[in-house]
Amino acid sequence: MKWAPVKDAAAYRLYWRRADRNDWSDGRVVLSDASTEVVWSGAIVDDNFFGVSALSVDDRESIVTLGGLPPAQ
């Protein structure tokens, strides 16, 4: 999953959940000076939803944006 960097974001929170669930079940934080890309090894794309939110320095969080297919080339 790739995402565009957010100005002044201190970190990003990555979320995932099974496609048959309503709530995010898992997450992890990635610092903003790290990559804006993560590889979900072993995750079956058809069975899961993935999302990312931006975190400010005082831990305020943006709305979660769902990952999708890249634009057609």
N, C-alpha and C. Protein backbone atom coordinates (compact mmCIF):
# COMPACT_ATOMS: atom_id res chain seq x y z
N MET A 1 0.85 -1.15 0.00
CA MET A 1 0.00 0.00 0.00
C MET A 1 0.90 1.22 0.00
N LYS A 2 0.56 2.21 -0.82
CA LYS A 2 1.29 3.48 -0.88
C LYS A 2 0.32 4.60 -0.57
N TRP A 3 0.85 5.69 -0.01
CA TRP A 3 0.02 6.86 0.22
C TRP A 3 0.87 8.10 0.04
N ALA A 4 0.20 9.21 -0.25
CA ALA A 4 0.89 10.49 -0.42
C ALA A 4 1.22 11.05 0.96
N PRO A 5 2.41 11.63 1.13
CA PRO A 5 2.75 12.22 2.43
C PRO A 5 1.83 13.39 2.75
N VAL A 6 1.54 13.56 4.03
CA VAL A 6 0.69 14.65 4.51
C VAL A 6 1.60 15.68 5.19
N LYS A 7 1.47 16.94 4.79
CA LYS A 7 2.29 18.01 5.36
C LYS A 7 2.09 18.06 6.88
N ASP A 8 3.18 18.14 7.61
CA ASP A 8 3.20 18.25 9.08
C ASP A 8 2.71 17.00 9.81
N ALA A 9 2.55 15.89 9.13
CA ALA A 9 2.17 14.65 9.83
C ALA A 9 3.38 14.14 10.61
N ALA A 10 3.16 13.75 11.85
CA ALA A 10 4.23 13.19 12.67
C ALA A 10 4.38 11.70 12.42
N ALA A 11 3.26 11.06 12.08
CA ALA A 11 3.26 9.61 11.84
C ALA A 11 2.00 9.25 11.06
N TYR A 12 1.94 7.99 10.68
CA TYR A 12 0.76 7.45 10.01
C TYR A 12 0.34 6.20 10.76
N ARG A 13 -0.96 6.00 10.87
CA ARG A 13 -1.47 4.77 11.48
C ARG A 13 -2.07 3.93 10.36
N LEU A 14 -1.57 2.71 10.24
CA LEU A 14 -2.05 1.78 9.22
C LEU A 14 -3.06 0.84 9.87
N TYR A 15 -4.16 0.65 9.21
CA TYR A 15 -5.24 -0.20 9.72
C TYR A 15 -5.51 -1.34 8.76
N TRP A 16 -6.02 -2.43 9.29
CA TRP A 16 -6.52 -3.50 8.45
C TRP A 16 -7.61 -4.26 9.21
N ARG A 17 -8.49 -4.86 8.41
CA ARG A 17 -9.57 -5.67 8.97
C ARG A 17 -10.07 -6.63 7.91
N ARG A 18 -10.67 -7.70 8.39
CA ARG A 18 -11.28 -8.65 7.47
C ARG A 18 -12.45 -7.98 6.75
N ALA A 19 -12.68 -8.38 5.53
CA ALA A 19 -13.74 -7.77 4.71
C ALA A 19 -15.13 -8.03 5.27
N ASP A 20 -15.29 -9.07 6.08
CA ASP A 20 -16.60 -9.38 6.64
C ASP A 20 -16.81 -8.77 8.03
N ARG A 21 -15.94 -7.84 8.45
CA ARG A 21 -16.06 -7.17 9.75
C ARG A 21 -16.37 -5.69 9.56
N ASN A 22 -16.97 -5.08 10.56
CA ASN A 22 -17.33 -3.66 10.48
C ASN A 22 -16.27 -2.74 11.05
N ASP A 23 -15.47 -3.22 11.99
CA ASP A 23 -14.51 -2.37 12.70
C ASP A 23 -13.08 -2.76 12.38
N TRP A 24 -12.19 -1.75 12.43
CA TRP A 24 -10.77 -2.01 12.24
C TRP A 24 -10.29 -2.89 13.39
N SER A 25 -9.67 -4.00 13.10
CA SER A 25 -9.25 -4.93 14.14
C SER A 25 -7.79 -4.78 14.51
N ASP A 26 -6.99 -4.27 13.60
CA ASP A 26 -5.55 -4.20 13.84
C ASP A 26 -4.99 -2.89 13.30
N GLY A 27 -3.86 -2.49 13.82
CA GLY A 27 -3.21 -1.28 13.34
C GLY A 27 -1.77 -1.21 13.82
N ARG A 28 -1.02 -0.38 13.16
CA ARG A 28 0.35 -0.10 13.59
C ARG A 28 0.73 1.30 13.15
N VAL A 29 1.67 1.90 13.87
CA VAL A 29 2.09 3.27 13.60
C VAL A 29 3.42 3.25 12.86
N VAL A 30 3.52 4.11 11.84
CA VAL A 30 4.75 4.29 11.06
C VAL A 30 5.12 5.76 11.16
N LEU A 31 6.35 6.07 11.57
CA LEU A 31 6.78 7.46 11.67
C LEU A 31 6.82 8.11 10.29
N SER A 32 6.56 9.41 10.24
CA SER A 32 6.45 10.10 8.95
C SER A 32 7.78 10.20 8.22
N ASP A 33 8.91 10.08 8.94
CA ASP A 33 10.20 10.13 8.25
C ASP A 33 10.58 8.77 7.67
N ALA A 34 9.74 7.78 7.90
CA ALA A 34 9.93 6.47 7.28
C ALA A 34 9.26 6.49 5.90
N SER A 35 9.10 5.36 5.32
CA SER A 35 8.51 5.24 4.00
C SER A 35 7.01 5.53 4.03
N THR A 36 6.47 5.93 2.89
CA THR A 36 5.02 6.06 2.74
C THR A 36 4.51 4.89 1.89
N GLU A 37 5.08 3.74 2.17
CA GLU A 37 4.71 2.51 1.47
C GLU A 37 4.93 1.35 2.42
N VAL A 38 4.04 0.38 2.38
CA VAL A 38 4.19 -0.83 3.19
C VAL A 38 3.74 -2.02 2.36
N VAL A 39 4.41 -3.14 2.56
CA VAL A 39 4.03 -4.38 1.88
C VAL A 39 3.41 -5.30 2.93
N TRP A 40 2.20 -5.75 2.67
CA TRP A 40 1.50 -6.65 3.58
C TRP A 40 1.78 -8.08 3.14
N SER A 41 2.83 -8.67 3.62
CA SER A 41 3.16 -10.04 3.21
C SER A 41 2.17 -11.02 3.84
N GLY A 42 1.69 -11.93 3.03
CA GLY A 42 0.77 -12.95 3.51
C GLY A 42 -0.68 -12.51 3.59
N ALA A 43 -0.96 -11.24 3.32
CA ALA A 43 -2.34 -10.75 3.39
C ALA A 43 -3.06 -11.03 2.07
N ILE A 44 -4.25 -11.55 2.17
CA ILE A 44 -5.05 -11.81 0.98
C ILE A 44 -5.91 -10.58 0.72
N VAL A 45 -5.66 -9.91 -0.39
CA VAL A 45 -6.31 -8.64 -0.70
C VAL A 45 -7.83 -8.80 -0.77
N ASP A 46 -8.31 -9.88 -1.32
CA ASP A 46 -9.76 -10.08 -1.45
C ASP A 46 -10.46 -10.28 -0.10
N ASP A 47 -9.71 -10.65 0.93
CA ASP A 47 -10.30 -10.95 2.23
C ASP A 47 -10.15 -9.83 3.25
N ASN A 48 -9.46 -8.75 2.91
CA ASN A 48 -9.15 -7.70 3.88
C ASN A 48 -9.32 -6.31 3.28
N PHE A 49 -9.59 -5.34 4.17
CA PHE A 49 -9.55 -3.92 3.82
C PHE A 49 -8.35 -3.31 4.51
N PHE A 50 -7.70 -2.34 3.86
CA PHE A 50 -6.54 -1.66 4.41
C PHE A 50 -6.79 -0.16 4.35
N GLY A 51 -6.31 0.55 5.35
CA GLY A 51 -6.49 2.00 5.38
C GLY A 51 -5.33 2.67 6.09
N VAL A 52 -5.26 4.00 5.93
CA VAL A 52 -4.19 4.78 6.56
C VAL A 52 -4.77 6.10 7.05
N SER A 53 -4.27 6.58 8.18
CA SER A 53 -4.62 7.90 8.69
C SER A 53 -3.34 8.63 9.05
N ALA A 54 -3.41 9.95 9.10
CA ALA A 54 -2.26 10.77 9.49
C ALA A 54 -2.42 11.16 10.96
N LEU A 55 -1.29 11.21 11.68
CA LEU A 55 -1.27 11.61 13.08
C LEU A 55 -0.47 12.89 13.23
N SER A 56 -0.98 13.83 14.02
CA SER A 56 -0.25 15.07 14.30
C SER A 56 0.68 14.84 15.48
N VAL A 57 1.52 15.83 15.78
CA VAL A 57 2.47 15.70 16.90
C VAL A 57 1.74 15.55 18.23
N ASP A 58 0.51 16.07 18.35
CA ASP A 58 -0.24 15.91 19.59
C ASP A 58 -1.24 14.75 19.50
N ASP A 59 -0.98 13.82 18.59
CA ASP A 59 -1.72 12.56 18.44
C ASP A 59 -3.16 12.73 17.95
N ARG A 60 -3.47 13.85 17.30
CA ARG A 60 -4.78 13.96 16.64
C ARG A 60 -4.71 13.14 15.35
N GLU A 61 -5.83 12.55 15.01
CA GLU A 61 -5.84 11.61 13.89
C GLU A 61 -6.83 12.03 12.82
N SER A 62 -6.40 11.93 11.56
CA SER A 62 -7.30 12.20 10.44
C SER A 62 -8.25 11.03 10.25
N ILE A 63 -9.21 11.22 9.39
CA ILE A 63 -10.11 10.12 9.03
C ILE A 63 -9.31 9.06 8.28
N VAL A 64 -9.69 7.82 8.43
CA VAL A 64 -9.00 6.72 7.74
C VAL A 64 -9.39 6.73 6.27
N THR A 65 -8.40 6.65 5.41
CA THR A 65 -8.62 6.55 3.98
C THR A 65 -8.36 5.11 3.55
N LEU A 66 -9.32 4.51 2.88
CA LEU A 66 -9.17 3.13 2.44
C LEU A 66 -8.21 3.03 1.27
N GLY A 67 -7.44 1.98 1.26
CA GLY A 67 -6.57 1.70 0.12
C GLY A 67 -7.41 1.20 -1.04
N GLY A 68 -6.95 1.45 -2.24
CA GLY A 68 -7.66 1.00 -3.43
C GLY A 68 -6.67 0.60 -4.50
N LEU A 69 -7.19 0.29 -5.64
CA LEU A 69 -6.33 -0.06 -6.76
C LEU A 69 -5.65 1.19 -7.30
N PRO A 70 -4.43 1.06 -7.80
CA PRO A 70 -3.76 2.22 -8.40
C PRO A 70 -4.49 2.66 -9.67
N PRO A 71 -4.33 3.93 -10.06
CA PRO A 71 -4.97 4.41 -11.30
C PRO A 71 -4.48 3.62 -12.51
N ALA A 72 -5.35 3.44 -13.47
CA ALA A 72 -4.97 2.74 -14.71
C ALA A 72 -3.92 3.54 -15.45
N GLN A 73 -2.99 2.85 -16.04
CA GLN A 73 -1.91 3.50 -16.79
C GLN A 73 -2.24 3.56 -18.26
